[in-house]
Amino acid sequence: MIVDIGLLILKPHELYRAQGFPVGYIIDRTANGTPLTTSAAVRMVGNSVSPPPLRALAEANLDPTTLPLAVAA
């Protein structure tokens, strides 16, 4: 006898939002336009670095002073 345990499976866009990615973040295709399957999108969110912790690390470790732009030769 199989009993449904009511497991809620989150959609890829819900997983990306939970990790802090912006609403407009593109998650349905790759950089070259190839469509992603749902399982591929879920796998990619598992391998991603979410923006809020990355920003916090960058702000904590980078010098806040700005350097003047240099012209390349």
Protein backbone atom coordinates (compact mmCIF):
# COMPACT_ATOMS: atom_id res chain seq x y z
CA MET A 1 0.00 0.00 0.00
CA ILE A 2 1.42 3.38 -1.04
CA VAL A 3 0.48 6.35 1.10
CA ASP A 4 1.01 9.91 -0.10
CA ILE A 5 3.10 11.74 2.48
CA GLY A 6 2.30 15.16 0.99
CA LEU A 7 5.84 16.08 0.02
CA LEU A 8 6.04 19.60 -1.41
CA ILE A 9 8.41 19.90 -4.34
CA LEU A 10 9.59 23.47 -4.89
CA LYS A 11 9.80 24.86 -8.42
CA PRO A 12 13.16 26.20 -9.70
CA HIS A 13 12.02 29.84 -9.48
CA GLU A 14 11.04 29.28 -5.82
CA LEU A 15 14.45 27.77 -5.05
CA TYR A 16 16.29 30.67 -6.68
CA ARG A 17 14.19 33.24 -4.78
CA ALA A 18 14.81 31.40 -1.51
CA GLN A 19 18.55 31.79 -2.12
CA GLY A 20 18.24 35.52 -2.74
CA PHE A 21 18.37 35.75 -6.53
CA PRO A 22 16.42 38.71 -7.97
CA VAL A 23 12.94 38.17 -9.42
CA GLY A 24 14.11 38.85 -12.99
CA TYR A 25 16.98 36.34 -12.85
CA ILE A 26 16.83 34.10 -15.93
CA ILE A 27 16.66 30.43 -14.93
CA ASP A 28 14.91 28.76 -17.87
CA ARG A 29 17.80 28.75 -20.38
CA THR A 30 21.57 28.81 -20.58
CA ALA A 31 23.73 31.74 -21.71
CA ASN A 32 23.54 30.55 -25.33
CA GLY A 33 19.73 30.20 -25.22
CA THR A 34 19.48 26.43 -24.78
CA PRO A 35 16.32 25.63 -22.77
CA LEU A 36 16.84 23.95 -19.39
CA THR A 37 14.82 21.05 -18.06
CA THR A 38 13.36 21.41 -14.58
CA SER A 39 15.87 18.92 -13.17
CA ALA A 40 18.76 20.83 -14.77
CA ALA A 41 17.52 24.14 -13.31
CA VAL A 42 17.21 22.54 -9.85
CA ARG A 43 20.71 21.07 -10.17
CA MET A 44 22.11 24.46 -11.18
CA VAL A 45 20.54 26.24 -8.21
CA GLY A 46 22.20 23.64 -5.98
CA ASN A 47 25.59 24.54 -7.47
CA SER A 48 25.03 28.30 -7.41
CA VAL A 49 26.43 30.98 -5.14
CA SER A 50 23.59 33.17 -3.97
CA PRO A 51 24.02 36.95 -4.28
CA PRO A 52 23.51 38.10 -0.63
CA PRO A 53 26.38 36.10 0.95
CA LEU A 54 28.65 36.83 -2.03
CA ARG A 55 27.99 40.55 -1.67
CA ALA A 56 28.62 40.39 2.09
CA LEU A 57 31.96 38.64 1.51
CA ALA A 58 32.99 41.17 -1.14
CA GLU A 59 32.05 44.15 1.03
CA ALA A 60 33.91 42.70 4.03
CA ASN A 61 37.09 42.00 2.07
CA LEU A 62 37.38 44.77 -0.51
CA ASP A 63 38.88 48.17 0.16
CA PRO A 64 36.05 50.70 0.03
CA THR A 65 38.21 53.42 -1.51
CA THR A 66 37.91 53.75 -5.26
CA LEU A 67 40.93 53.98 -7.49
CA PRO A 68 41.03 56.28 -10.50
CA LEU A 69 40.47 54.56 -13.81
CA ALA A 70 43.58 53.98 -15.87
CA VAL A 71 43.74 54.11 -19.62
CA ALA A 72 45.05 50.98 -21.31
CA ALA A 73 48.03 51.46 -23.60
